[in-house]
Protein backbone atom coordinates (compact mmCIF):
# COMPACT_ATOMS: atom_id res chain seq x y z
CA MET A 1 16.31 -30.08 -56.02
CA ALA A 2 15.69 -26.42 -55.51
CA GLY A 3 12.47 -27.24 -53.72
CA GLU A 4 14.22 -29.68 -51.43
CA GLY A 5 16.93 -27.13 -50.67
CA ASN A 6 14.42 -24.40 -49.78
CA GLY A 7 12.40 -26.83 -47.77
CA GLY A 8 15.49 -27.89 -45.90
CA ARG A 9 16.32 -24.30 -45.08
CA ARG A 10 12.80 -23.69 -43.85
CA GLY A 11 13.07 -26.75 -41.66
CA ARG A 12 16.21 -25.43 -40.05
CA GLY A 13 14.61 -22.03 -39.36
CA TRP A 14 12.82 -20.99 -36.18
CA PRO A 15 9.12 -21.88 -35.95
CA ALA A 16 6.75 -18.96 -36.35
CA TRP A 17 5.35 -19.42 -32.84
CA LEU A 18 8.85 -19.21 -31.34
CA LEU A 19 9.66 -16.08 -33.33
CA GLY A 20 6.41 -14.58 -32.09
CA ALA A 21 7.18 -15.51 -28.48
CA VAL A 22 10.66 -14.01 -28.71
CA GLY A 23 9.23 -10.86 -30.27
CA LEU A 24 6.64 -10.50 -27.51
CA ALA A 25 9.28 -11.09 -24.84
CA LEU A 26 11.51 -8.43 -26.40
CA LEU A 27 8.60 -6.00 -26.64
CA GLY A 28 7.71 -6.67 -23.01
CA TRP A 29 11.32 -6.05 -21.93
CA LEU A 30 11.48 -2.82 -23.91
CA MET A 31 8.17 -1.68 -22.41
CA TRP A 32 9.45 -2.48 -18.92
CA GLN A 33 12.57 -0.39 -19.48
CA LEU A 34 10.46 2.44 -20.90
CA GLU A 35 8.02 2.11 -18.02
CA ARG A 36 10.78 2.43 -15.43
CA SER A 37 12.26 5.45 -17.19
CA MET A 38 8.86 7.14 -17.33
CA LEU A 39 7.80 6.24 -13.80
CA TYR A 40 10.81 6.97 -11.58
CA PHE A 41 12.96 10.10 -11.66
CA PRO A 42 15.08 9.93 -8.49
CA THR A 43 17.78 12.46 -7.64
CA ARG A 44 20.38 12.52 -4.89
CA LEU A 45 20.29 14.94 -1.96
CA GLY A 46 21.91 18.35 -2.06
CA ASN A 47 22.75 20.50 0.95
CA THR A 48 19.32 21.78 1.99
CA THR A 49 17.64 20.53 5.17
CA PRO A 50 14.56 21.55 7.18
CA ALA A 51 16.88 23.78 9.21
CA THR A 52 17.29 25.90 6.08
CA TRP A 53 13.60 26.71 6.45
CA GLY A 54 13.87 27.27 10.19
CA ILE A 55 12.31 23.90 11.03
CA PRO A 56 13.87 21.74 13.79
CA TYR A 57 14.39 18.15 12.71
CA ALA A 58 16.07 14.84 13.38
CA ASP A 59 17.59 12.57 10.76
CA ALA A 60 15.70 9.32 10.30
CA ARG A 61 17.36 6.11 9.12
CA ILE A 62 14.73 3.48 8.49
CA ALA A 63 15.43 -0.19 7.79
CA THR A 64 13.10 -2.05 5.43
CA PRO A 65 12.27 -5.77 5.74
CA ASP A 66 14.26 -6.55 2.57
CA GLY A 67 17.48 -4.91 3.71
CA GLU A 68 17.32 -1.36 2.33
CA THR A 69 17.92 1.78 4.38
CA LEU A 70 15.72 4.83 3.86
CA GLY A 71 16.67 8.39 4.64
CA GLY A 72 14.16 10.80 6.12
CA TRP A 73 13.57 13.84 8.30
CA TRP A 74 11.41 13.85 11.39
CA CYS A 75 10.08 17.36 12.04
CA ALA A 76 8.25 17.16 15.34
CA ARG A 77 6.14 19.96 16.78
CA PRO A 78 6.75 20.85 20.43
CA GLU A 79 3.05 20.59 21.33
CA PRO A 80 2.21 17.14 22.79
CA GLY A 81 -1.13 16.99 20.98
CA ALA A 82 0.06 17.97 17.51
CA PRO A 83 -1.20 15.72 14.71
CA VAL A 84 1.35 13.28 13.30
CA LEU A 85 1.74 12.91 9.53
CA LEU A 86 3.82 10.68 7.26
CA PHE A 87 4.46 12.47 3.95
CA LEU A 88 5.03 10.29 0.85
CA HIS A 89 6.19 12.33 -2.12
CA GLY A 90 5.81 11.89 -5.87
CA ASN A 91 7.94 10.15 -8.47
CA ALA A 92 10.57 12.82 -9.17
CA GLY A 93 13.38 14.40 -7.17
CA ASN A 94 13.74 13.67 -3.47
CA ARG A 95 12.51 14.85 -0.07
CA GLU A 96 14.63 17.99 -0.31
CA ASP A 97 12.37 19.21 -3.13
CA ARG A 98 9.34 19.02 -0.79
CA LEU A 99 10.70 21.17 2.01
CA HIS A 100 8.22 23.92 1.14
CA ASN A 101 5.43 21.40 1.84
CA VAL A 102 7.06 20.21 5.05
CA ALA A 103 7.55 23.78 6.26
CA GLY A 104 3.92 24.65 5.53
CA LEU A 105 2.64 21.59 7.37
CA TRP A 106 4.93 22.16 10.35
CA ARG A 107 3.89 25.80 10.62
CA ALA A 108 0.26 24.69 10.44
CA GLY A 109 0.84 22.79 13.70
CA ILE A 110 1.53 19.32 12.27
CA SER A 111 4.47 17.01 13.06
CA VAL A 112 5.84 15.56 9.82
CA LEU A 113 8.01 12.61 8.85
CA ILE A 114 9.11 12.76 5.21
CA ILE A 115 11.12 9.94 3.66
CA ASP A 116 12.80 9.11 0.40
CA TYR A 117 11.88 5.84 -1.28
CA ARG A 118 14.60 3.35 -2.15
CA GLY A 119 16.89 4.82 -4.79
CA TYR A 120 15.84 8.39 -4.00
CA GLY A 121 17.81 10.94 -2.00
CA ASP A 122 20.26 9.07 0.22
CA SER A 123 18.17 5.88 0.42
CA THR A 124 19.69 2.63 -0.80
CA GLY A 125 18.25 0.32 -3.43
CA ARG A 126 16.37 0.76 -6.67
CA PRO A 127 12.72 1.85 -6.97
CA GLU A 128 10.01 -0.62 -7.95
CA GLU A 129 6.35 -0.94 -6.99
CA ASP A 130 6.44 -3.55 -4.22
CA GLY A 131 9.56 -1.94 -2.81
CA LEU A 132 7.82 1.43 -2.50
CA TYR A 133 4.98 -0.23 -0.60
CA ARG A 134 7.51 -1.79 1.78
CA ASP A 135 9.16 1.61 2.20
CA GLY A 136 5.89 3.28 3.14
CA ALA A 137 5.02 0.55 5.64
CA ALA A 138 8.51 0.62 7.19
CA ALA A 139 8.29 4.40 7.60
CA PHE A 140 4.89 4.06 9.28
CA ASP A 141 6.28 1.46 11.70
CA TRP A 142 9.32 3.64 12.48
CA LEU A 143 7.06 6.58 13.24
CA ALA A 144 4.61 4.51 15.31
CA GLU A 145 7.46 3.46 17.60
CA ARG A 146 8.27 7.10 18.29
CA VAL A 147 4.91 8.72 18.89
CA GLY A 148 3.63 6.49 21.67
CA GLY A 149 0.37 5.27 20.22
CA ARG A 150 -0.76 8.65 18.88
CA PRO A 151 -2.82 8.50 15.65
CA ILE A 152 -0.79 8.69 12.43
CA ALA A 153 -2.17 10.19 9.22
CA LEU A 154 -0.75 9.62 5.75
CA PHE A 155 -0.25 12.25 3.06
CA GLY A 156 0.39 10.87 -0.42
CA ARG A 157 1.15 13.19 -3.29
CA SER A 158 0.91 12.05 -6.94
CA LEU A 159 2.61 8.61 -7.05
CA GLY A 160 2.90 8.84 -3.27
CA GLY A 161 -0.89 8.73 -3.09
CA ALA A 162 -0.88 5.22 -4.55
CA VAL A 163 1.73 4.19 -1.98
CA ALA A 164 -0.18 5.82 0.87
CA ALA A 165 -3.47 4.16 -0.09
CA ARG A 166 -1.79 0.75 -0.11
CA VAL A 167 -0.10 1.35 3.26
CA ALA A 168 -3.47 2.40 4.68
CA LEU A 169 -4.77 -1.07 3.85
CA GLU A 170 -1.95 -2.69 5.82
CA ARG A 171 -1.42 -0.38 8.78
CA PRO A 172 -3.73 1.31 11.34
CA VAL A 173 -3.75 4.68 9.59
CA ALA A 174 -5.96 7.29 11.25
CA ARG A 175 -6.57 9.55 8.24
CA LEU A 176 -5.53 9.71 4.60
CA VAL A 177 -4.80 12.68 2.33
CA LEU A 178 -4.44 12.13 -1.42
CA GLU A 179 -3.23 15.06 -3.46
CA SER A 180 -2.94 15.11 -7.27
CA THR A 181 -3.12 11.32 -7.33
CA PHE A 182 -3.95 9.04 -10.27
CA THR A 183 -6.43 6.16 -10.27
CA SER A 184 -3.91 3.59 -11.51
CA ALA A 185 -0.66 3.32 -13.44
CA ARG A 186 -2.39 1.40 -16.20
CA GLU A 187 -5.02 4.08 -16.62
CA MET A 188 -2.25 6.64 -16.85
CA ALA A 189 -0.56 4.52 -19.53
CA ARG A 190 -3.77 4.49 -21.56
CA ARG A 191 -3.93 8.26 -21.24
CA MET A 192 -0.29 8.90 -22.16
CA LEU A 193 0.03 6.27 -24.91
CA PRO A 194 -3.46 5.71 -26.39
CA LEU A 195 -2.56 2.48 -28.21
CA PRO A 196 -4.71 -0.67 -28.19
CA GLY A 197 -3.67 -2.99 -25.36
CA ILE A 198 -0.93 -0.71 -24.05
CA ASP A 199 -2.16 -1.14 -20.48
CA LYS A 200 -1.65 -4.91 -20.72
CA LEU A 201 2.09 -4.36 -21.18
CA VAL A 202 2.39 -2.16 -18.07
CA ARG A 203 3.69 -4.22 -15.17
CA SER A 204 3.29 -1.60 -12.44
CA ARG A 205 -0.25 -1.33 -11.15
CA PHE A 206 -0.19 1.34 -8.43
CA ASP A 207 -3.96 0.83 -8.30
CA THR A 208 -5.09 3.64 -6.02
CA LEU A 209 -8.73 3.24 -7.04
CA ALA A 210 -8.88 -0.40 -5.96
CA ALA A 211 -7.27 0.50 -2.63
CA VAL A 212 -9.59 3.39 -1.74
CA GLU A 213 -12.63 1.26 -2.55
CA ARG A 214 -11.63 -0.94 0.40
CA LEU A 215 -10.69 1.87 2.77
CA THR A 216 -12.98 3.20 5.47
CA VAL A 217 -10.64 5.74 7.11
CA PRO A 218 -11.49 9.44 6.77
CA LEU A 219 -10.25 10.67 3.39
CA LEU A 220 -9.34 14.09 2.02
CA VAL A 221 -8.74 14.40 -1.74
CA ILE A 222 -7.09 17.59 -3.05
CA HIS A 223 -6.75 18.08 -6.79
CA GLY A 224 -6.14 20.97 -9.14
CA GLU A 225 -8.85 21.44 -11.75
CA ALA A 226 -6.19 22.40 -14.32
CA ASP A 227 -3.81 19.54 -13.52
CA GLU A 228 -1.93 18.96 -16.78
CA MET A 229 -0.43 15.62 -15.74
CA ILE A 230 -3.12 13.79 -13.77
CA PRO A 231 -6.59 14.95 -14.78
CA PHE A 232 -8.96 16.35 -12.18
CA ALA A 233 -11.41 13.61 -13.18
CA MET A 234 -9.10 11.07 -11.54
CA GLY A 235 -9.32 12.91 -8.23
CA GLN A 236 -13.09 12.95 -8.59
CA ALA A 237 -13.07 9.22 -9.33
CA LEU A 238 -11.01 8.44 -6.22
CA HIS A 239 -13.34 10.50 -4.05
CA ALA A 240 -16.45 8.87 -5.54
CA ALA A 241 -15.10 5.32 -5.21
CA ALA A 242 -13.79 5.62 -1.65
CA GLY A 243 -15.44 3.30 0.83
CA SER A 244 -15.18 5.83 3.65
CA ALA A 245 -18.31 7.49 4.96
CA ASP A 246 -16.14 10.50 5.88
CA LYS A 247 -14.63 11.79 2.65
CA THR A 248 -14.01 15.27 1.29
CA LEU A 249 -12.98 16.51 -2.14
CA ARG A 250 -11.21 19.86 -2.30
CA ALA A 251 -11.01 21.15 -5.86
CA VAL A 252 -8.45 23.86 -6.60
CA PRO A 253 -9.74 26.03 -9.49
CA GLY A 254 -6.81 26.93 -11.72
CA GLY A 255 -4.52 24.59 -9.79
CA HIS A 256 -1.98 22.54 -11.76
CA HIS A 257 -0.10 19.41 -10.77
CA ASN A 258 2.57 21.06 -8.64
CA ASP A 259 1.06 24.31 -7.40
CA THR A 260 -2.15 23.47 -5.53
CA TYR A 261 -0.81 24.90 -2.26
CA LEU A 262 0.22 28.11 -4.02
CA VAL A 263 -3.02 28.60 -5.94
CA ALA A 264 -5.28 27.76 -3.00
CA GLY A 265 -3.19 29.87 -0.63
CA GLU A 266 -4.02 29.94 3.05
CA ALA A 267 -7.20 27.95 2.43
CA TYR A 268 -5.02 24.95 1.55
CA TRP A 269 -3.37 24.88 4.97
CA GLY A 270 -6.74 25.45 6.58
CA TRP A 271 -8.12 22.33 4.88
CA LEU A 272 -5.26 20.28 6.29
CA ARG A 273 -5.50 21.78 9.76
CA ASP A 274 -9.22 21.07 9.86
CA PHE A 275 -8.91 17.54 8.52
CA LEU A 276 -6.01 16.56 10.77
CA GLY A 277 -7.29 18.37 13.86
CA ALA A 278 -4.34 20.69 14.26
CA PRO A 279 -4.49 23.35 17.02
CA GLY A 280 -6.73 26.22 16.01
CA ALA A 281 -8.61 24.13 13.44
CA GLY A 282 -12.20 25.03 12.76
CA PRO A 283 -15.08 22.88 11.55
CA GLY A 284 -14.49 20.92 8.33
CA GLY A 285 -16.66 20.78 5.30
CA GLY A 286 -16.44 20.45 1.56
CA THR A 287 -17.87 18.17 -1.11
CA ARG A 288 -18.92 14.93 0.52
């Protein structure tokens, strides 16, 4: 009787395969929540604008195809022939935190549009990979309508480099700058959590390496040799894999993830002026 009772209880229990499936689904959900919390760190805007840095600007409100509205600042140079650049920032903060970059670019003779992705700054929505790609493409289209057919370059920093590389596959980008950018989100997961199969649980791809392999536009890679977040080797890998015949790697000795422009100093702005063809630019060069 005892055997029958135990057997009956086992029969009413969940099959092992179903328990395993539920466990995997729960693990996947937990990993997705952890992934989002580790990947996106948006903040809302404060009270600083480009005018705080003495830079003239216009507010940009950009509609995406899926109904979100992005906030941005369009900082145009007065010179008709100034290079045009779309700046796509990294995964933390908002565009306000990059005003030092915008000011440096503008003073180097470059017109800059900087945007906040969905969920960042004053942009609507919630960040996720495909949405960020749509944001980058929508910003490019908004800018293209305003510059009358002039060439548009993309600048992607850190996570923004993955977005910029993807947009460059979908839009007629003239030039591409990748700074402190990783090869892929899954490779970063393997680096941060060295557990067997951890990359298989990461939903976001942000596969910059796969994108640059297909790109033929001129490419400039800038990376700090002492980057504590995204190793310099990833910048080297992006440069090596790029399909472009015109590619340059600018290493910043002693440069970390967030201070390449400070460590490199005036040379940093010279690299960008040369690459983008800003007024007063000299001949390029570098590791090719």
